[in-house]
Structure formats: C-alpha cells, structure tokens
Amino acid sequence: MTPAALRVPAIGLDEPLVRLGIQPDGSVEVPADPDEAGWLTGSAVPGRTGPAVLAGHVDSADGVAVFTRLSELGPGDAVEVDLDDGTTARFVVTGVERYDKDAFPTARVYGPAPAPVLRLVTCGGEFDRQAGAYEDNVVVYAVPAP
C-alpha cells in the first residue's frame, strides 16, 4: 500500500504523488517536476504509525509550483491522502512552522511518532540568489482527523 494522491481543499491542491528517496548526501530527494509532490518512501504510509512525509517545491524558475500556497494553511485545515488500495487517510493541520535550513528540526519532522502523523515539507523564506536556494523550510504538521 502506497500513497497515490494528495488533496488539500483550503489551497486548491489535488495532485498525484510520486515516490521519493534519500540522496547520496543524506538529504531528501525532491520531485524532478515542480508541479509534483512526492512521498518519502522511507517514511510511514499515511495513516499508519509514524511520520508520513510529503515534499514538494514552492516554486521554480517558471513560476509557482505544487506547494506554493502551503504556508497559507492553518490549524483545522483538512489534508487527504488517497492510497493505492482505494482508501483515504484524512488529517487535520495542527500547525505550520518555518525553520532556517541550518536549524531544521530533523528529529521532530522525521523522528519516531507513537501514532500516525503527517508532515508536508517545502522551501520558504527569502531566496538567496547567490546560493540559488531558499533560506528556510516550511513544515505543515497534521494529525489524523477525528
């Protein structure tokens, strides 16, 4: 069973998911296409115990990308992940945080969790043209919907 699609009604997001792995340097692979979101295959299947991690781009050289509006989410917003077995894992956002990339809370985002949780991760903050990258990451935290 794997995640197949992501829906976030509050920001008009309804996209299929691709599979993502870990890069040789230990960083999370990001989707090759800025219009795609992806599931980190080393993380939990959404709805199963542990953190399920989905990642996507905030923008590209051509404009907006799949997670452009992610930072607009707030507590109570719904997030749904369709699984390839026909079921849907339903979550509710509990918070949205922005972190300097040098202070990213790796254990909080990727570490063990005693229950199902969902993390949506993208870039944010100021774009450093010299480095060619955003200075921050935005993380949406969600728990199973009641």
Protein backbone atom coordinates (compact mmCIF):
# COMPACT_ATOMS: atom_id res chain seq x y z
CA MET A 1 0.00 0.00 0.00
CA THR A 2 1.41 3.38 -1.04
CA PRO A 3 0.09 6.96 -1.24
CA ALA A 4 -1.24 7.87 -4.67
CA ALA A 5 -2.66 11.40 -4.42
CA LEU A 6 -2.78 14.44 -2.14
CA ARG A 7 -5.76 16.76 -1.65
CA VAL A 8 -5.71 19.98 0.37
CA PRO A 9 -9.03 21.76 -0.30
CA ALA A 10 -8.14 25.00 1.55
CA ILE A 11 -5.42 25.76 -1.04
CA GLY A 12 -6.99 24.06 -4.06
CA LEU A 13 -4.40 21.28 -4.18
CA ASP A 14 -5.33 17.96 -5.81
CA GLU A 15 -2.30 16.17 -7.24
CA PRO A 16 -0.93 12.67 -7.73
CA LEU A 17 2.10 11.70 -5.66
CA VAL A 18 5.45 10.39 -6.87
CA ARG A 19 7.88 8.31 -4.83
CA LEU A 20 10.94 9.99 -3.31
CA GLY A 21 14.07 8.54 -1.75
CA ILE A 22 17.18 9.78 0.00
CA GLN A 23 20.02 11.45 -1.92
CA PRO A 24 23.63 10.19 -1.54
CA ASP A 25 24.37 13.21 0.71
CA GLY A 26 21.55 12.14 3.08
CA SER A 27 19.08 14.83 2.01
CA VAL A 28 15.53 14.07 0.93
CA GLU A 29 15.03 13.71 -2.81
CA VAL A 30 12.67 16.32 -4.23
CA PRO A 31 10.38 15.79 -7.21
CA ALA A 32 12.03 16.41 -10.59
CA ASP A 33 8.89 18.20 -11.77
CA PRO A 34 7.97 21.30 -9.70
CA ASP A 35 4.29 20.52 -10.29
CA GLU A 36 4.56 17.18 -8.48
CA ALA A 37 4.50 16.37 -4.78
CA GLY A 38 6.12 13.22 -3.51
CA TRP A 39 6.04 10.73 -0.66
CA LEU A 40 9.32 9.90 1.07
CA THR A 41 9.34 6.10 0.76
CA GLY A 42 11.40 5.70 3.94
CA SER A 43 8.64 7.37 5.95
CA ALA A 44 5.38 5.87 7.15
CA VAL A 45 2.46 5.24 4.83
CA PRO A 46 -0.06 8.00 5.63
CA GLY A 47 -2.50 6.74 8.25
CA ARG A 48 -0.02 4.20 9.66
CA THR A 49 2.01 4.71 12.85
CA GLY A 50 4.86 7.17 12.47
CA PRO A 51 5.55 10.28 10.44
CA ALA A 52 4.48 10.21 6.79
CA VAL A 53 6.50 12.83 4.91
CA LEU A 54 5.40 14.52 1.68
CA ALA A 55 7.65 17.03 -0.09
CA GLY A 56 7.31 19.42 -3.00
CA HIS A 57 8.63 22.63 -4.48
CA VAL A 58 7.34 26.09 -3.56
CA ASP A 59 8.22 27.48 -7.00
CA SER A 60 10.54 27.13 -9.97
CA ALA A 61 12.25 29.38 -12.50
CA ASP A 62 8.97 29.21 -14.46
CA GLY A 63 6.71 30.35 -11.59
CA VAL A 64 4.50 28.70 -8.99
CA ALA A 65 4.85 25.04 -8.05
CA VAL A 66 2.79 22.39 -6.27
CA PHE A 67 3.39 23.66 -2.71
CA THR A 68 3.30 27.40 -3.49
CA ARG A 69 0.40 28.01 -1.10
CA LEU A 70 1.43 25.54 1.63
CA SER A 71 2.34 28.28 4.12
CA GLU A 72 -1.27 29.58 3.92
CA LEU A 73 -2.57 26.53 5.77
CA GLY A 74 -3.65 26.81 9.37
CA PRO A 75 -4.95 24.71 12.25
CA GLY A 76 -8.09 22.81 11.33
CA ASP A 77 -7.47 22.66 7.57
CA ALA A 78 -8.10 19.25 6.03
CA VAL A 79 -5.45 17.18 4.24
CA GLU A 80 -6.37 13.93 2.48
CA VAL A 81 -4.04 11.30 1.09
CA ASP A 82 -5.50 8.68 -1.23
CA LEU A 83 -3.81 5.30 -1.03
CA ASP A 84 -3.47 2.89 -3.92
CA ASP A 85 -5.80 0.39 -2.21
CA GLY A 86 -8.72 2.82 -2.61
CA THR A 87 -8.74 4.11 0.98
CA THR A 88 -8.11 7.71 2.09
CA ALA A 89 -6.06 8.82 5.10
CA ARG A 90 -7.64 12.00 6.48
CA PHE A 91 -5.67 14.52 8.51
CA VAL A 92 -6.19 17.92 10.10
CA VAL A 93 -3.46 20.56 10.27
CA THR A 94 -2.24 21.37 13.78
CA GLY A 95 0.41 23.93 12.82
CA VAL A 96 2.69 25.44 10.20
CA GLU A 97 6.27 26.35 11.07
CA ARG A 98 9.15 27.96 9.17
CA TYR A 99 12.73 26.99 10.04
CA ASP A 100 16.12 28.25 8.95
CA LYS A 101 17.66 25.39 6.95
CA ASP A 102 20.62 25.42 9.34
CA ALA A 103 18.25 24.83 12.28
CA PHE A 104 15.88 22.31 10.65
CA PRO A 105 14.25 20.12 13.36
CA THR A 106 15.13 16.77 11.78
CA ALA A 107 14.05 14.67 14.77
CA ARG A 108 10.71 16.49 15.08
CA VAL A 109 9.90 16.07 11.39
CA TYR A 110 11.33 12.62 10.62
CA GLY A 111 11.73 11.03 14.06
CA PRO A 112 9.55 8.28 15.51
CA ALA A 113 5.98 9.05 16.49
CA PRO A 114 3.70 6.77 18.55
CA ALA A 115 0.71 7.45 16.29
CA PRO A 116 0.09 8.39 12.64
CA VAL A 117 1.23 11.94 11.79
CA LEU A 118 1.71 13.78 8.51
CA ARG A 119 4.43 16.28 7.56
CA LEU A 120 4.31 18.40 4.39
CA VAL A 121 7.69 19.99 3.63
CA THR A 122 8.73 22.70 1.18
CA CYS A 123 11.09 25.69 0.96
CA GLY A 124 10.29 29.16 2.24
CA GLY A 125 11.59 32.46 3.46
CA GLU A 126 13.95 34.58 1.41
CA PHE A 127 15.53 33.29 -1.79
CA ASP A 128 19.33 33.54 -1.68
CA ARG A 129 20.27 34.26 -5.29
CA GLN A 130 23.96 33.71 -4.56
CA ALA A 131 23.31 30.22 -3.22
CA GLY A 132 20.42 29.55 -5.60
CA ALA A 133 18.23 28.30 -2.76
CA TYR A 134 15.67 29.38 -0.19
CA GLU A 135 16.99 30.10 3.29
CA ASP A 136 14.19 28.32 5.14
CA ASN A 137 11.90 25.31 5.09
CA VAL A 138 8.17 25.35 5.76
CA VAL A 139 6.69 22.33 7.55
CA VAL A 140 2.98 21.63 7.92
CA TYR A 141 2.17 19.36 10.86
CA ALA A 142 -1.02 17.28 10.78
CA VAL A 143 -2.69 14.54 12.78
CA PRO A 144 -5.47 12.11 11.88
CA ALA A 145 -8.85 13.78 11.52
CA PRO A 146 -11.32 12.94 14.30
